[in-house]
Amino acid sequence: MLLTGYQTSAAIRRSGARRIGTWLKNRKVKNAAALAETAVEAAKFQHTALPGQTLAAAMVARIAKGVLVLDEEIAELDALIEARFNEHRHATVIRSLPGMGTLLGAECIAATGGDLEAFGTADRLASFAGLSPEPTRLRGGRHGYGRSTVSSSSSPSRPACRC
């Protein structure tokens, strides 16, 4: 957020901690005053101006604003995914699994086509989710137990992505 309004140490020094803190607070930045103090303190030690700095500052501001727009879009998409996931009949069960949240649960439904019965047993589902060890082949032909890994196959018995 700071980079959308202040890109150079000179601009930060000119504005000061109080003004930057207020500017950040108005944009709902957490710990705005502390961030402003830190930025101004760092700017006190940076006095080198480079050719093209003004152009670079404008580019940084534009990129920073673009990142904020992308953050908003991601938040909107996450909300849509969560709403859709919550409509699924297995959402409560999937969310109750250790380590499974809304987004990972939605990925699980997408990977399985929404039919958890395809696994047959809870053990197979746990193995697919990487929650139980499964035999693995180690270097030198030895066997061991490890967490399940992402499969690149499109086999119906094991979908391509891990939930």
C-alpha atoms as a PDB file:
ATOM      1  CA  MET A   1       0.000   0.000   0.000  1.00  0.00           C
ATOM      2  CA  LEU A   2       2.810   2.389   0.892  1.00  0.00           C
ATOM      3  CA  LEU A   3       4.282   2.118  -2.609  1.00  0.00           C
ATOM      4  CA  THR A   4       1.067   3.323  -4.239  1.00  0.00           C
ATOM      5  CA  GLY A   5       1.632   6.776  -2.733  1.00  0.00           C
ATOM      6  CA  TYR A   6       5.303   6.999  -1.783  1.00  0.00           C
ATOM      7  CA  GLN A   7       7.980   5.445  -3.972  1.00  0.00           C
ATOM      8  CA  THR A   8      11.152   7.392  -3.159  1.00  0.00           C
ATOM      9  CA  SER A   9      13.048   8.046   0.031  1.00  0.00           C
ATOM     10  CA  ALA A  10      12.916  11.783  -0.706  1.00  0.00           C
ATOM     11  CA  ALA A  11       9.117  11.734  -0.889  1.00  0.00           C
ATOM     12  CA  ILE A  12       8.922   9.746   2.336  1.00  0.00           C
ATOM     13  CA  ARG A  13      11.272  12.144   4.147  1.00  0.00           C
ATOM     14  CA  ARG A  14       9.352  15.199   2.846  1.00  0.00           C
ATOM     15  CA  SER A  15       6.007  13.842   4.020  1.00  0.00           C
ATOM     16  CA  GLY A  16       7.106  12.618   7.433  1.00  0.00           C
ATOM     17  CA  ALA A  17       5.811   9.863   9.652  1.00  0.00           C
ATOM     18  CA  ARG A  18       2.665  11.651  10.833  1.00  0.00           C
ATOM     19  CA  ARG A  19       1.381  12.469   7.351  1.00  0.00           C
ATOM     20  CA  ILE A  20       2.234   9.016   5.966  1.00  0.00           C
ATOM     21  CA  GLY A  21       0.702   7.360   9.036  1.00  0.00           C
ATOM     22  CA  THR A  22      -2.560   9.238   8.495  1.00  0.00           C
ATOM     23  CA  TRP A  23      -2.501   8.404   4.777  1.00  0.00           C
ATOM     24  CA  LEU A  24      -2.017   4.697   5.556  1.00  0.00           C
ATOM     25  CA  LYS A  25      -4.650   4.719   8.313  1.00  0.00           C
ATOM     26  CA  ASN A  26      -7.194   6.210   5.891  1.00  0.00           C
ATOM     27  CA  ARG A  27      -6.511   3.200   3.651  1.00  0.00           C
ATOM     28  CA  LYS A  28      -7.100   0.796   6.550  1.00  0.00           C
ATOM     29  CA  VAL A  29      -3.486  -0.399   6.823  1.00  0.00           C
ATOM     30  CA  LYS A  30      -2.780  -2.244  10.073  1.00  0.00           C
ATOM     31  CA  ASN A  31      -0.119  -0.659  12.296  1.00  0.00           C
ATOM     32  CA  ALA A  32      -0.075   2.397  10.039  1.00  0.00           C
ATOM     33  CA  ALA A  33       1.836   4.592  12.475  1.00  0.00           C
ATOM     34  CA  ALA A  34       4.563   1.988  13.069  1.00  0.00           C
ATOM     35  CA  LEU A  35       4.928   1.357   9.340  1.00  0.00           C
ATOM     36  CA  ALA A  36       5.194   5.086   8.684  1.00  0.00           C
ATOM     37  CA  GLU A  37       7.844   5.498  11.395  1.00  0.00           C
ATOM     38  CA  THR A  38       9.854   2.587   9.982  1.00  0.00           C
ATOM     39  CA  ALA A  39       9.654   3.960   6.439  1.00  0.00           C
ATOM     40  CA  VAL A  40      10.742   7.448   7.481  1.00  0.00           C
ATOM     41  CA  GLU A  41      13.575   6.071   9.626  1.00  0.00           C
ATOM     42  CA  ALA A  42      14.857   3.995   6.689  1.00  0.00           C
ATOM     43  CA  ALA A  43      14.477   6.947   4.309  1.00  0.00           C
ATOM     44  CA  LYS A  44      16.739   9.063   6.535  1.00  0.00           C
ATOM     45  CA  PHE A  45      19.676   6.863   5.512  1.00  0.00           C
ATOM     46  CA  GLN A  46      18.898   6.830   1.788  1.00  0.00           C
ATOM     47  CA  HIS A  47      19.972   9.986  -0.005  1.00  0.00           C
ATOM     48  CA  THR A  48      21.167   8.710  -3.361  1.00  0.00           C
ATOM     49  CA  ALA A  49      19.134   9.873  -6.352  1.00  0.00           C
ATOM     50  CA  LEU A  50      19.533   7.999  -9.618  1.00  0.00           C
ATOM     51  CA  PRO A  51      18.867   9.008 -13.214  1.00  0.00           C
ATOM     52  CA  GLY A  52      15.422   7.785 -14.181  1.00  0.00           C
ATOM     53  CA  GLN A  53      14.241   7.666 -10.573  1.00  0.00           C
ATOM     54  CA  THR A  54      11.096   9.678 -11.323  1.00  0.00           C
ATOM     55  CA  LEU A  55      10.100   7.350 -14.150  1.00  0.00           C
ATOM     56  CA  ALA A  56      10.873   4.296 -12.026  1.00  0.00           C
ATOM     57  CA  ALA A  57       8.770   5.730  -9.166  1.00  0.00           C
ATOM     58  CA  ALA A  58       5.798   6.182 -11.501  1.00  0.00           C
ATOM     59  CA  MET A  59       6.184   2.606 -12.713  1.00  0.00           C
ATOM     60  CA  VAL A  60       6.382   1.284  -9.150  1.00  0.00           C
ATOM     61  CA  ALA A  61       3.218   3.183  -8.206  1.00  0.00           C
ATOM     62  CA  ARG A  62       1.376   1.755 -11.182  1.00  0.00           C
ATOM     63  CA  ILE A  63       2.515  -1.804 -10.468  1.00  0.00           C
ATOM     64  CA  ALA A  64       1.632  -1.475  -6.764  1.00  0.00           C
ATOM     65  CA  LYS A  65      -1.880  -0.306  -7.660  1.00  0.00           C
ATOM     66  CA  GLY A  66      -2.205  -3.257 -10.029  1.00  0.00           C
ATOM     67  CA  VAL A  67      -1.235  -5.642  -7.231  1.00  0.00           C
ATOM     68  CA  LEU A  68      -3.937  -4.150  -4.999  1.00  0.00           C
ATOM     69  CA  VAL A  69      -6.521  -4.681  -7.745  1.00  0.00           C
ATOM     70  CA  LEU A  70      -5.395  -8.292  -8.107  1.00  0.00           C
ATOM     71  CA  ASP A  71      -5.674  -8.781  -4.339  1.00  0.00           C
ATOM     72  CA  GLU A  72      -9.276  -7.566  -4.473  1.00  0.00           C
ATOM     73  CA  GLU A  73     -10.070  -9.893  -7.377  1.00  0.00           C
ATOM     74  CA  ILE A  74      -8.544 -12.857  -5.547  1.00  0.00           C
ATOM     75  CA  ALA A  75     -10.626 -12.050  -2.452  1.00  0.00           C
ATOM     76  CA  GLU A  76     -13.778 -11.927  -4.597  1.00  0.00           C
ATOM     77  CA  LEU A  77     -12.946 -15.259  -6.246  1.00  0.00           C
ATOM     78  CA  ASP A  78     -12.181 -16.853  -2.870  1.00  0.00           C
ATOM     79  CA  ALA A  79     -15.603 -15.721  -1.636  1.00  0.00           C
ATOM     80  CA  LEU A  80     -17.298 -17.210  -4.706  1.00  0.00           C
ATOM     81  CA  ILE A  81     -15.419 -20.498  -4.269  1.00  0.00           C
ATOM     82  CA  GLU A  82     -16.318 -20.606  -0.581  1.00  0.00           C
ATOM     83  CA  ALA A  83     -20.006 -19.979  -1.275  1.00  0.00           C
ATOM     84  CA  ARG A  84     -20.076 -22.696  -3.941  1.00  0.00           C
ATOM     85  CA  PHE A  85     -18.154 -25.142  -1.739  1.00  0.00           C
ATOM     86  CA  ASN A  86     -20.553 -24.583   1.164  1.00  0.00           C
ATOM     87  CA  GLU A  87     -23.440 -25.647  -1.095  1.00  0.00           C
ATOM     88  CA  HIS A  88     -21.917 -29.111  -1.616  1.00  0.00           C
ATOM     89  CA  ARG A  89     -23.421 -31.975   0.369  1.00  0.00           C
ATOM     90  CA  HIS A  90     -19.987 -33.151   1.603  1.00  0.00           C
ATOM     91  CA  ALA A  91     -18.641 -29.696   2.555  1.00  0.00           C
ATOM     92  CA  THR A  92     -19.026 -30.228   6.302  1.00  0.00           C
ATOM     93  CA  VAL A  93     -17.349 -33.641   6.198  1.00  0.00           C
ATOM     94  CA  ILE A  94     -14.478 -32.448   4.024  1.00  0.00           C
ATOM     95  CA  ARG A  95     -13.880 -29.366   6.169  1.00  0.00           C
ATOM     96  CA  SER A  96     -13.735 -31.591   9.285  1.00  0.00           C
ATOM     97  CA  LEU A  97     -10.665 -33.415   7.941  1.00  0.00           C
ATOM     98  CA  PRO A  98      -7.390 -32.212   9.503  1.00  0.00           C
ATOM     99  CA  GLY A  99      -5.762 -29.550   7.359  1.00  0.00           C
ATOM    100  CA  MET A 100      -8.741 -29.141   5.052  1.00  0.00           C
ATOM    101  CA  GLY A 101     -10.077 -25.644   4.646  1.00  0.00           C
ATOM    102  CA  THR A 102     -12.502 -24.181   2.177  1.00  0.00           C
ATOM    103  CA  LEU A 103     -10.124 -23.766  -0.770  1.00  0.00           C
ATOM    104  CA  LEU A 104      -8.455 -27.141  -0.370  1.00  0.00           C
ATOM    105  CA  GLY A 105     -11.877 -28.727   0.120  1.00  0.00           C
ATOM    106  CA  ALA A 106     -13.116 -27.129  -3.090  1.00  0.00           C
ATOM    107  CA  GLU A 107     -10.031 -28.462  -4.872  1.00  0.00           C
ATOM    108  CA  CYS A 108     -10.816 -31.917  -3.494  1.00  0.00           C
ATOM    109  CA  ILE A 109     -14.363 -31.752  -4.835  1.00  0.00           C
ATOM    110  CA  ALA A 110     -13.090 -30.591  -8.210  1.00  0.00           C
ATOM    111  CA  ALA A 111     -10.522 -33.411  -8.310  1.00  0.00           C
ATOM    112  CA  THR A 112     -13.012 -36.111  -7.371  1.00  0.00           C
ATOM    113  CA  GLY A 113     -15.989 -34.813  -9.276  1.00  0.00           C
ATOM    114  CA  GLY A 114     -17.713 -34.359  -5.928  1.00  0.00           C
ATOM    115  CA  ASP A 115     -18.157 -38.094  -5.363  1.00  0.00           C
ATOM    116  CA  LEU A 116     -16.225 -39.194  -2.287  1.00  0.00           C
ATOM    117  CA  GLU A 117     -17.784 -42.636  -2.613  1.00  0.00           C
ATOM    118  CA  ALA A 118     -15.320 -43.235  -5.474  1.00  0.00           C
ATOM    119  CA  PHE A 119     -12.651 -43.925  -2.844  1.00  0.00           C
ATOM    120  CA  GLY A 120     -14.554 -46.871  -1.380  1.00  0.00           C
ATOM    121  CA  THR A 121     -13.045 -46.609   2.093  1.00  0.00           C
ATOM    122  CA  ALA A 122     -11.976 -43.902   4.501  1.00  0.00           C
ATOM    123  CA  ASP A 123      -8.432 -45.307   4.375  1.00  0.00           C
ATOM    124  CA  ARG A 124      -8.215 -44.709   0.634  1.00  0.00           C
ATOM    125  CA  LEU A 125      -9.531 -41.170   1.032  1.00  0.00           C
ATOM    126  CA  ALA A 126      -6.973 -40.484   3.792  1.00  0.00           C
ATOM    127  CA  SER A 127      -4.195 -41.867   1.611  1.00  0.00           C
ATOM    128  CA  PHE A 128      -5.302 -39.748  -1.340  1.00  0.00           C
ATOM    129  CA  ALA A 129      -5.364 -36.668   0.883  1.00  0.00           C
ATOM    130  CA  GLY A 130      -1.834 -37.395   2.095  1.00  0.00           C
ATOM    131  CA  LEU A 131      -2.996 -37.964   5.658  1.00  0.00           C
ATOM    132  CA  SER A 132      -1.742 -41.541   5.937  1.00  0.00           C
ATOM    133  CA  PRO A 133       1.522 -43.144   4.902  1.00  0.00           C
ATOM    134  CA  GLU A 134       1.643 -45.292   1.823  1.00  0.00           C
ATOM    135  CA  PRO A 135       4.368 -47.553   0.506  1.00  0.00           C
ATOM    136  CA  THR A 136       6.916 -45.719  -1.596  1.00  0.00           C
ATOM    137  CA  ARG A 137       9.857 -46.894  -3.639  1.00  0.00           C
ATOM    138  CA  LEU A 138      13.112 -45.429  -2.454  1.00  0.00           C
ATOM    139  CA  ARG A 139      16.473 -45.180  -4.242  1.00  0.00           C
ATOM    140  CA  GLY A 140      18.271 -48.451  -4.627  1.00  0.00           C
ATOM    141  CA  GLY A 141      15.058 -50.479  -4.833  1.00  0.00           C
ATOM    142  CA  ARG A 142      14.310 -50.229  -1.116  1.00  0.00           C
ATOM    143  CA  HIS A 143      10.760 -49.661   0.078  1.00  0.00           C
ATOM    144  CA  GLY A 144       9.582 -47.282   2.773  1.00  0.00           C
ATOM    145  CA  TYR A 145       6.557 -45.343   3.877  1.00  0.00           C
ATOM    146  CA  GLY A 146       5.920 -41.715   3.029  1.00  0.00           C
ATOM    147  CA  ARG A 147       3.140 -39.296   2.349  1.00  0.00           C
ATOM    148  CA  SER A 148       1.207 -39.723  -0.852  1.00  0.00           C
ATOM    149  CA  THR A 149       2.316 -37.515  -3.707  1.00  0.00           C
ATOM    150  CA  VAL A 150       0.589 -35.705  -6.515  1.00  0.00           C
ATOM    151  CA  SER A 151      -0.178 -38.074  -9.347  1.00  0.00           C
ATOM    152  CA  SER A 152       0.253 -37.028 -12.932  1.00  0.00           C
ATOM    153  CA  SER A 153      -2.036 -39.769 -14.169  1.00  0.00           C
ATOM    154  CA  SER A 154      -5.663 -39.278 -15.016  1.00  0.00           C
ATOM    155  CA  SER A 155      -6.616 -42.644 -13.553  1.00  0.00           C
ATOM    156  CA  PRO A 156     -10.164 -42.702 -12.148  1.00  0.00           C
ATOM    157  CA  SER A 157      -8.889 -44.539  -9.072  1.00  0.00           C
ATOM    158  CA  ARG A 158      -6.569 -41.645  -8.242  1.00  0.00           C
ATOM    159  CA  PRO A 159      -7.438 -38.201  -9.617  1.00  0.00           C
ATOM    160  CA  ALA A 160      -4.617 -35.987 -10.858  1.00  0.00           C
ATOM    161  CA  CYS A 161      -4.586 -33.540  -7.967  1.00  0.00           C
ATOM    162  CA  ARG A 162      -4.291 -34.158  -4.249  1.00  0.00           C
ATOM    163  CA  CYS A 163      -6.981 -32.982  -1.850  1.00  0.00           C
END
